[in-house]
Amino acid sequence: MSTGAGCRINQIGQNEWNYELQRYPYGETREYNRYGPFRTYRAAINHLDSHHANPGGWMVNRLEGLECEHDWQELNKYTLECSKCGRCK
């Protein structure tokens, strides 16, 4: 079950990520708590998963023009995800 909290995963530099998680009561406030920085997209997601209830999804905000030497990891049997930038293949 998810909380329905708003969540944004943000790339803030070449190897820097953070995430913003909506404060309770979800849907009634526009205030967010910010966590990070993290060196990779996957590190931010792992922190979110291990420290907070499932928000039910998130939006990813990437900086344009930054190159990534992708580190493809199996997300499921049909999809690969880059652990550094979160792009799927």
PDB file of N, CA and C in Angstrom:
ATOM      1  N   MET A   1       0.837  -1.174   0.000  1.00  0.00           N
ATOM      2  CA  MET A   1       0.000   0.000   0.000  1.00  0.00           C
ATOM      3  C   MET A   1       0.887   1.244   0.000  1.00  0.00           C
ATOM      4  N   SER A   2       0.491   2.243  -0.732  1.00  0.00           N
ATOM      5  CA  SER A   2       1.293   3.462  -0.815  1.00  0.00           C
ATOM      6  C   SER A   2       0.633   4.590  -0.032  1.00  0.00           C
ATOM      7  N   THR A   3       1.449   5.583   0.324  1.00  0.00           N
ATOM      8  CA  THR A   3       0.958   6.721   1.091  1.00  0.00           C
ATOM      9  C   THR A   3       0.283   7.766   0.209  1.00  0.00           C
ATOM     10  N   GLY A   4       0.675   7.826  -1.074  1.00  0.00           N
ATOM     11  CA  GLY A   4       0.164   8.866  -1.959  1.00  0.00           C
ATOM     12  C   GLY A   4       0.914  10.178  -1.817  1.00  0.00           C
ATOM     13  N   ALA A   5       2.019  10.166  -1.066  1.00  0.00           N
ATOM     14  CA  ALA A   5       2.814  11.384  -0.897  1.00  0.00           C
ATOM     15  C   ALA A   5       3.482  11.755  -2.212  1.00  0.00           C
ATOM     16  N   GLY A   6       3.605  13.032  -2.476  1.00  0.00           N
ATOM     17  CA  GLY A   6       4.359  13.494  -3.627  1.00  0.00           C
ATOM     18  C   GLY A   6       5.842  13.233  -3.402  1.00  0.00           C
ATOM     19  N   CYS A   7       6.543  12.811  -4.446  1.00  0.00           N
ATOM     20  CA  CYS A   7       7.971  12.524  -4.327  1.00  0.00           C
ATOM     21  C   CYS A   7       8.660  12.901  -5.631  1.00  0.00           C
ATOM     22  N   ARG A   8       9.780  13.621  -5.489  1.00  0.00           N
ATOM     23  CA  ARG A   8      10.570  14.030  -6.651  1.00  0.00           C
ATOM     24  C   ARG A   8      12.013  13.600  -6.438  1.00  0.00           C
ATOM     25  N   ILE A   9      12.579  12.890  -7.425  1.00  0.00           N
ATOM     26  CA  ILE A   9      13.989  12.508  -7.417  1.00  0.00           C
ATOM     27  C   ILE A   9      14.701  13.514  -8.319  1.00  0.00           C
ATOM     28  N   ASN A  10      15.675  14.238  -7.789  1.00  0.00           N
ATOM     29  CA  ASN A  10      16.301  15.345  -8.514  1.00  0.00           C
ATOM     30  C   ASN A  10      17.794  15.117  -8.733  1.00  0.00           C
ATOM     31  N   GLN A  11      18.228  15.292  -9.977  1.00  0.00           N
ATOM     32  CA  GLN A  11      19.662  15.308 -10.258  1.00  0.00           C
ATOM     33  C   GLN A  11      20.117  16.737 -10.041  1.00  0.00           C
ATOM     34  N   ILE A  12      21.094  16.921  -9.149  1.00  0.00           N
ATOM     35  CA  ILE A  12      21.532  18.270  -8.808  1.00  0.00           C
ATOM     36  C   ILE A  12      22.963  18.549  -9.263  1.00  0.00           C
ATOM     37  N   GLY A  13      23.609  17.542  -9.872  1.00  0.00           N
ATOM     38  CA  GLY A  13      24.967  17.672 -10.379  1.00  0.00           C
ATOM     39  C   GLY A  13      25.353  16.415 -11.125  1.00  0.00           C
ATOM     40  N   GLN A  14      26.598  16.362 -11.603  1.00  0.00           N
ATOM     41  CA  GLN A  14      27.049  15.211 -12.393  1.00  0.00           C
ATOM     42  C   GLN A  14      26.857  13.899 -11.642  1.00  0.00           C
ATOM     43  N   ASN A  15      27.277  13.828 -10.418  1.00  0.00           N
ATOM     44  CA  ASN A  15      27.115  12.628  -9.593  1.00  0.00           C
ATOM     45  C   ASN A  15      26.427  12.980  -8.284  1.00  0.00           C
ATOM     46  N   GLU A  16      25.388  13.785  -8.364  1.00  0.00           N
ATOM     47  CA  GLU A  16      24.673  14.211  -7.163  1.00  0.00           C
ATOM     48  C   GLU A  16      23.170  14.149  -7.397  1.00  0.00           C
ATOM     49  N   TRP A  17      22.511  13.516  -6.443  1.00  0.00           N
ATOM     50  CA  TRP A  17      21.060  13.361  -6.478  1.00  0.00           C
ATOM     51  C   TRP A  17      20.498  13.669  -5.104  1.00  0.00           C
ATOM     52  N   ASN A  18      19.239  14.103  -5.069  1.00  0.00           N
ATOM     53  CA  ASN A  18      18.505  14.186  -3.820  1.00  0.00           C
ATOM     54  C   ASN A  18      17.061  13.792  -4.099  1.00  0.00           C
ATOM     55  N   TYR A  19      16.269  13.707  -3.060  1.00  0.00           N
ATOM     56  CA  TYR A  19      14.841  13.522  -3.275  1.00  0.00           C
ATOM     57  C   TYR A  19      14.074  14.378  -2.297  1.00  0.00           C
ATOM     58  N   GLU A  20      12.891  14.772  -2.726  1.00  0.00           N
ATOM     59  CA  GLU A  20      11.992  15.580  -1.922  1.00  0.00           C
ATOM     60  C   GLU A  20      10.720  14.778  -1.705  1.00  0.00           C
ATOM     61  N   LEU A  21      10.326  14.654  -0.449  1.00  0.00           N
ATOM     62  CA  LEU A  21       9.165  13.862  -0.080  1.00  0.00           C
ATOM     63  C   LEU A  21       8.165  14.768   0.626  1.00  0.00           C
ATOM     64  N   GLN A  22       6.926  14.730   0.138  1.00  0.00           N
ATOM     65  CA  GLN A  22       5.871  15.591   0.676  1.00  0.00           C
ATOM     66  C   GLN A  22       5.633  15.300   2.157  1.00  0.00           C
ATOM     67  N   ARG A  23       5.455  16.378   2.932  1.00  0.00           N
ATOM     68  CA  ARG A  23       5.159  16.240   4.357  1.00  0.00           C
ATOM     69  C   ARG A  23       3.695  15.844   4.561  1.00  0.00           C
ATOM     70  N   TYR A  24       3.440  15.201   5.672  1.00  0.00           N
ATOM     71  CA  TYR A  24       2.079  14.811   6.050  1.00  0.00           C
ATOM     72  C   TYR A  24       1.307  16.042   6.490  1.00  0.00           C
ATOM     73  N   PRO A  25       0.046  16.223   6.236  1.00  0.00           N
ATOM     74  CA  PRO A  25      -0.887  15.316   5.571  1.00  0.00           C
ATOM     75  C   PRO A  25      -0.761  15.399   4.048  1.00  0.00           C
ATOM     76  N   TYR A  26      -0.538  14.247   3.423  1.00  0.00           N
ATOM     77  CA  TYR A  26      -0.302  14.158   1.989  1.00  0.00           C
ATOM     78  C   TYR A  26      -1.493  14.691   1.212  1.00  0.00           C
ATOM     79  N   GLY A  27      -1.208  15.462   0.187  1.00  0.00           N
ATOM     80  CA  GLY A  27      -2.249  16.042  -0.639  1.00  0.00           C
ATOM     81  C   GLY A  27      -2.823  17.330  -0.074  1.00  0.00           C
ATOM     82  N   GLU A  28      -2.565  17.606   1.203  1.00  0.00           N
ATOM     83  CA  GLU A  28      -3.097  18.819   1.823  1.00  0.00           C
ATOM     84  C   GLU A  28      -2.027  19.878   2.050  1.00  0.00           C
ATOM     85  N   THR A  29      -0.776  19.497   1.909  1.00  0.00           N
ATOM     86  CA  THR A  29       0.316  20.454   2.102  1.00  0.00           C
ATOM     87  C   THR A  29       1.226  20.447   0.884  1.00  0.00           C
ATOM     88  N   ARG A  30       1.825  21.581   0.612  1.00  0.00           N
ATOM     89  CA  ARG A  30       2.782  21.685  -0.496  1.00  0.00           C
ATOM     90  C   ARG A  30       4.207  21.689   0.016  1.00  0.00           C
ATOM     91  N   GLU A  31       4.390  21.386   1.289  1.00  0.00           N
ATOM     92  CA  GLU A  31       5.718  21.387   1.886  1.00  0.00           C
ATOM     93  C   GLU A  31       6.375  20.018   1.725  1.00  0.00           C
ATOM     94  N   TYR A  32       7.681  20.053   1.428  1.00  0.00           N
ATOM     95  CA  TYR A  32       8.454  18.830   1.187  1.00  0.00           C
ATOM     96  C   TYR A  32       9.687  18.821   2.075  1.00  0.00           C
ATOM     97  N   ASN A  33      10.121  17.646   2.479  1.00  0.00           N
ATOM     98  CA  ASN A  33      11.416  17.461   3.127  1.00  0.00           C
ATOM     99  C   ASN A  33      12.404  16.997   2.068  1.00  0.00           C
ATOM    100  N   ARG A  34      13.639  17.485   2.154  1.00  0.00           N
ATOM    101  CA  ARG A  34      14.672  17.132   1.172  1.00  0.00           C
ATOM    102  C   ARG A  34      15.713  16.228   1.836  1.00  0.00           C
ATOM    103  N   TYR A  35      16.119  15.178   1.108  1.00  0.00           N
ATOM    104  CA  TYR A  35      17.095  14.207   1.593  1.00  0.00           C
ATOM    105  C   TYR A  35      18.222  14.073   0.575  1.00  0.00           C
ATOM    106  N   GLY A  36      19.442  13.990   1.054  1.00  0.00           N
ATOM    107  CA  GLY A  36      20.596  13.852   0.176  1.00  0.00           C
ATOM    108  C   GLY A  36      21.632  14.884   0.530  1.00  0.00           C
ATOM    109  N   PRO A  37      22.664  14.999  -0.265  1.00  0.00           N
ATOM    110  CA  PRO A  37      22.836  14.438  -1.606  1.00  0.00           C
ATOM    111  C   PRO A  37      23.324  12.988  -1.582  1.00  0.00           C
ATOM    112  N   PHE A  38      23.089  12.315  -2.693  1.00  0.00           N
ATOM    113  CA  PHE A  38      23.517  10.937  -2.924  1.00  0.00           C
ATOM    114  C   PHE A  38      24.345  10.908  -4.203  1.00  0.00           C
ATOM    115  N   ARG A  39      25.284   9.969  -4.307  1.00  0.00           N
ATOM    116  CA  ARG A  39      26.170   9.910  -5.483  1.00  0.00           C
ATOM    117  C   ARG A  39      25.488   9.342  -6.718  1.00  0.00           C
ATOM    118  N   THR A  40      24.436   8.540  -6.542  1.00  0.00           N
ATOM    119  CA  THR A  40      23.745   7.952  -7.688  1.00  0.00           C
ATOM    120  C   THR A  40      22.236   8.002  -7.480  1.00  0.00           C
ATOM    121  N   TYR A  41      21.523   7.847  -8.576  1.00  0.00           N
ATOM    122  CA  TYR A  41      20.063   7.723  -8.548  1.00  0.00           C
ATOM    123  C   TYR A  41      19.668   6.544  -7.664  1.00  0.00           C
ATOM    124  N   ARG A  42      20.327   5.390  -7.834  1.00  0.00           N
ATOM    125  CA  ARG A  42      19.982   4.180  -7.086  1.00  0.00           C
ATOM    126  C   ARG A  42      20.195   4.379  -5.588  1.00  0.00           C
ATOM    127  N   ALA A  43      21.234   5.115  -5.185  1.00  0.00           N
ATOM    128  CA  ALA A  43      21.470   5.388  -3.766  1.00  0.00           C
ATOM    129  C   ALA A  43      20.325   6.208  -3.176  1.00  0.00           C
ATOM    130  N   ALA A  44      19.816   7.168  -3.937  1.00  0.00           N
ATOM    131  CA  ALA A  44      18.671   7.959  -3.473  1.00  0.00           C
ATOM    132  C   ALA A  44      17.435   7.077  -3.313  1.00  0.00           C
ATOM    133  N   ILE A  45      17.167   6.217  -4.292  1.00  0.00           N
ATOM    134  CA  ILE A  45      16.014   5.312  -4.225  1.00  0.00           C
ATOM    135  C   ILE A  45      16.162   4.339  -3.056  1.00  0.00           C
ATOM    136  N   ASN A  46      17.357   3.796  -2.861  1.00  0.00           N
ATOM    137  CA  ASN A  46      17.580   2.870  -1.754  1.00  0.00           C
ATOM    138  C   ASN A  46      17.337   3.546  -0.405  1.00  0.00           C
ATOM    139  N   HIS A  47      17.768   4.805  -0.272  1.00  0.00           N
ATOM    140  CA  HIS A  47      17.528   5.542   0.971  1.00  0.00           C
ATOM    141  C   HIS A  47      16.031   5.767   1.173  1.00  0.00           C
ATOM    142  N   LEU A  48      15.351   6.166   0.132  1.00  0.00           N
ATOM    143  CA  LEU A  48      13.900   6.355   0.200  1.00  0.00           C
ATOM    144  C   LEU A  48      13.212   5.067   0.650  1.00  0.00           C
ATOM    145  N   ASP A  49      13.569   3.956   0.011  1.00  0.00           N
ATOM    146  CA  ASP A  49      12.948   2.662   0.324  1.00  0.00           C
ATOM    147  C   ASP A  49      13.217   2.204   1.755  1.00  0.00           C
ATOM    148  N   SER A  50      14.396   2.490   2.278  1.00  0.00           N
ATOM    149  CA  SER A  50      14.748   1.987   3.605  1.00  0.00           C
ATOM    150  C   SER A  50      14.376   2.929   4.752  1.00  0.00           C
ATOM    151  N   HIS A  51      13.985   4.170   4.436  1.00  0.00           N
ATOM    152  CA  HIS A  51      13.689   5.136   5.499  1.00  0.00           C
ATOM    153  C   HIS A  51      12.258   5.667   5.505  1.00  0.00           C
ATOM    154  N   HIS A  52      11.479   5.371   4.476  1.00  0.00           N
ATOM    155  CA  HIS A  52      10.138   5.953   4.389  1.00  0.00           C
ATOM    156  C   HIS A  52       9.141   4.940   3.840  1.00  0.00           C
ATOM    157  N   ALA A  53       7.871   5.185   4.131  1.00  0.00           N
ATOM    158  CA  ALA A  53       6.810   4.364   3.541  1.00  0.00           C
ATOM    159  C   ALA A  53       6.766   4.620   2.034  1.00  0.00           C
ATOM    160  N   ASN A  54       6.257   3.660   1.293  1.00  0.00           N
ATOM    161  CA  ASN A  54       6.159   3.747  -0.167  1.00  0.00           C
ATOM    162  C   ASN A  54       5.277   4.934  -0.565  1.00  0.00           C
ATOM    163  N   PRO A  55       5.841   5.924  -1.299  1.00  0.00           N
ATOM    164  CA  PRO A  55       5.012   7.046  -1.718  1.00  0.00           C
ATOM    165  C   PRO A  55       4.074   6.689  -2.872  1.00  0.00           C
ATOM    166  N   GLY A  56       4.314   5.575  -3.535  1.00  0.00           N
ATOM    167  CA  GLY A  56       3.448   5.167  -4.647  1.00  0.00           C
ATOM    168  C   GLY A  56       3.951   5.602  -6.009  1.00  0.00           C
ATOM    169  N   GLY A  57       5.142   6.140  -6.079  1.00  0.00           N
ATOM    170  CA  GLY A  57       5.733   6.582  -7.338  1.00  0.00           C
ATOM    171  C   GLY A  57       6.458   7.895  -7.128  1.00  0.00           C
ATOM    172  N   TRP A  58       7.147   8.342  -8.167  1.00  0.00           N
ATOM    173  CA  TRP A  58       7.892   9.588  -8.089  1.00  0.00           C
ATOM    174  C   TRP A  58       8.147  10.129  -9.477  1.00  0.00           C
ATOM    175  N   MET A  59       8.507  11.392  -9.516  1.00  0.00           N
ATOM    176  CA  MET A  59       8.891  12.055 -10.751  1.00  0.00           C
ATOM    177  C   MET A  59      10.405  12.218 -10.716  1.00  0.00           C
ATOM    178  N   VAL A  60      11.078  11.980 -11.845  1.00  0.00           N
ATOM    179  CA  VAL A  60      12.530  12.133 -11.924  1.00  0.00           C
ATOM    180  C   VAL A  60      12.853  13.405 -12.703  1.00  0.00           C
ATOM    181  N   ASN A  61      13.630  14.282 -12.096  1.00  0.00           N
ATOM    182  CA  ASN A  61      14.078  15.523 -12.727  1.00  0.00           C
ATOM    183  C   ASN A  61      15.574  15.412 -12.976  1.00  0.00           C
ATOM    184  N   ARG A  62      15.953  15.239 -14.256  1.00  0.00           N
ATOM    185  CA  ARG A  62      17.364  15.124 -14.628  1.00  0.00           C
ATOM    186  C   ARG A  62      17.861  16.442 -15.210  1.00  0.00           C
ATOM    187  N   LEU A  63      19.134  16.741 -14.984  1.00  0.00           N
ATOM    188  CA  LEU A  63      19.755  17.912 -15.599  1.00  0.00           C
ATOM    189  C   LEU A  63      20.064  17.584 -17.053  1.00  0.00           C
ATOM    190  N   GLU A  64      19.789  18.491 -17.930  1.00  0.00           N
ATOM    191  CA  GLU A  64      20.053  18.296 -19.358  1.00  0.00           C
ATOM    192  C   GLU A  64      21.533  18.472 -19.657  1.00  0.00           C
ATOM    193  N   GLY A  65      22.018  17.719 -20.623  1.00  0.00           N
ATOM    194  CA  GLY A  65      23.375  17.890 -21.126  1.00  0.00           C
ATOM    195  C   GLY A  65      24.460  17.151 -20.367  1.00  0.00           C
ATOM    196  N   LEU A  66      24.107  16.430 -19.310  1.00  0.00           N
ATOM    197  CA  LEU A  66      25.119  15.671 -18.580  1.00  0.00           C
ATOM    198  C   LEU A  66      25.212  14.265 -19.150  1.00  0.00           C
ATOM    199  N   GLU A  67      26.429  13.818 -19.384  1.00  0.00           N
ATOM    200  CA  GLU A  67      26.654  12.477 -19.906  1.00  0.00           C
ATOM    201  C   GLU A  67      26.694  11.480 -18.749  1.00  0.00           C
ATOM    202  N   CYS A  68      26.291  10.253 -19.033  1.00  0.00           N
ATOM    203  CA  CYS A  68      26.341   9.193 -18.031  1.00  0.00           C
ATOM    204  C   CYS A  68      26.989   7.962 -18.660  1.00  0.00           C
ATOM    205  N   GLU A  69      27.975   7.421 -17.970  1.00  0.00           N
ATOM    206  CA  GLU A  69      28.534   6.130 -18.374  1.00  0.00           C
ATOM    207  C   GLU A  69      27.660   5.086 -17.691  1.00  0.00           C
ATOM    208  N   HIS A  70      26.609   4.671 -18.390  1.00  0.00           N
ATOM    209  CA  HIS A  70      25.560   3.847 -17.802  1.00  0.00           C
ATOM    210  C   HIS A  70      26.095   2.574 -17.156  1.00  0.00           C
ATOM    211  N   ASP A  71      25.509   2.260 -16.023  1.00  0.00           N
ATOM    212  CA  ASP A  71      25.780   1.025 -15.290  1.00  0.00           C
ATOM    213  C   ASP A  71      24.449   0.271 -15.246  1.00  0.00           C
ATOM    214  N   TRP A  72      24.207  -0.554 -16.275  1.00  0.00           N
ATOM    215  CA  TRP A  72      22.919  -1.217 -16.432  1.00  0.00           C
ATOM    216  C   TRP A  72      22.752  -2.355 -15.432  1.00  0.00           C
ATOM    217  N   GLN A  73      21.641  -2.327 -14.705  1.00  0.00           N
ATOM    218  CA  GLN A  73      21.263  -3.366 -13.755  1.00  0.00           C
ATOM    219  C   GLN A  73      19.887  -3.878 -14.146  1.00  0.00           C
ATOM    220  N   GLU A  74      19.625  -5.157 -13.920  1.00  0.00           N
ATOM    221  CA  GLU A  74      18.320  -5.714 -14.270  1.00  0.00           C
ATOM    222  C   GLU A  74      17.263  -5.191 -13.303  1.00  0.00           C
ATOM    223  N   LEU A  75      16.264  -4.510 -13.857  1.00  0.00           N
ATOM    224  CA  LEU A  75      15.154  -3.988 -13.060  1.00  0.00           C
ATOM    225  C   LEU A  75      14.084  -5.064 -12.919  1.00  0.00           C
ATOM    226  N   ASN A  76      13.776  -5.691 -14.026  1.00  0.00           N
ATOM    227  CA  ASN A  76      12.941  -6.895 -14.063  1.00  0.00           C
ATOM    228  C   ASN A  76      13.405  -7.685 -15.277  1.00  0.00           C
ATOM    229  N   LYS A  77      12.765  -8.783 -15.586  1.00  0.00           N
ATOM    230  CA  LYS A  77      13.298  -9.613 -16.671  1.00  0.00           C
ATOM    231  C   LYS A  77      13.171  -8.982 -18.050  1.00  0.00           C
ATOM    232  N   TYR A  78      12.478  -7.865 -18.171  1.00  0.00           N
ATOM    233  CA  TYR A  78      12.298  -7.192 -19.460  1.00  0.00           C
ATOM    234  C   TYR A  78      13.028  -5.856 -19.561  1.00  0.00           C
ATOM    235  N   THR A  79      13.470  -5.307 -18.434  1.00  0.00           N
ATOM    236  CA  THR A  79      13.998  -3.948 -18.429  1.00  0.00           C
ATOM    237  C   THR A  79      15.315  -3.857 -17.673  1.00  0.00           C
ATOM    238  N   LEU A  80      16.226  -3.061 -18.212  1.00  0.00           N
ATOM    239  CA  LEU A  80      17.461  -2.714 -17.519  1.00  0.00           C
ATOM    240  C   LEU A  80      17.361  -1.257 -17.084  1.00  0.00           C
ATOM    241  N   GLU A  81      17.917  -0.956 -15.910  1.00  0.00           N
ATOM    242  CA  GLU A  81      17.911   0.408 -15.385  1.00  0.00           C
ATOM    243  C   GLU A  81      19.344   0.802 -15.054  1.00  0.00           C
ATOM    244  N   CYS A  82      19.710   2.019 -15.400  1.00  0.00           N
ATOM    245  CA  CYS A  82      21.025   2.524 -15.041  1.00  0.00           C
ATOM    246  C   CYS A  82      20.997   2.925 -13.562  1.00  0.00           C
ATOM    247  N   SER A  83      21.904   2.349 -12.778  1.00  0.00           N
ATOM    248  CA  SER A  83      21.926   2.656 -11.345  1.00  0.00           C
ATOM    249  C   SER A  83      22.453   4.074 -11.080  1.00  0.00           C
ATOM    250  N   LYS A  84      23.160   4.663 -12.066  1.00  0.00           N
ATOM    251  CA  LYS A  84      23.703   5.999 -11.874  1.00  0.00           C
ATOM    252  C   LYS A  84      22.684   7.103 -12.175  1.00  0.00           C
ATOM    253  N   CYS A  85      21.903   6.926 -13.265  1.00  0.00           N
ATOM    254  CA  CYS A  85      21.005   8.007 -13.678  1.00  0.00           C
ATOM    255  C   CYS A  85      19.527   7.611 -13.727  1.00  0.00           C
ATOM    256  N   GLY A  86      19.214   6.325 -13.556  1.00  0.00           N
ATOM    257  CA  GLY A  86      17.828   5.887 -13.521  1.00  0.00           C
ATOM    258  C   GLY A  86      17.146   5.705 -14.856  1.00  0.00           C
ATOM    259  N   ARG A  87      17.888   5.915 -15.941  1.00  0.00           N
ATOM    260  CA  ARG A  87      17.271   5.689 -17.260  1.00  0.00           C
ATOM    261  C   ARG A  87      17.074   4.204 -17.495  1.00  0.00           C
ATOM    262  N   CYS A  88      16.009   3.881 -18.217  1.00  0.00           N
ATOM    263  CA  CYS A  88      15.714   2.486 -18.525  1.00  0.00           C
ATOM    264  C   CYS A  88      16.074   2.166 -19.961  1.00  0.00           C
ATOM    265  N   LYS A  89      16.415   0.896 -20.186  1.00  0.00           N
ATOM    266  CA  LYS A  89      16.808   0.432 -21.516  1.00  0.00           C
ATOM    267  C   LYS A  89      15.893  -0.703 -21.911  1.00  0.00           C
TER     268      LYS A  89
END
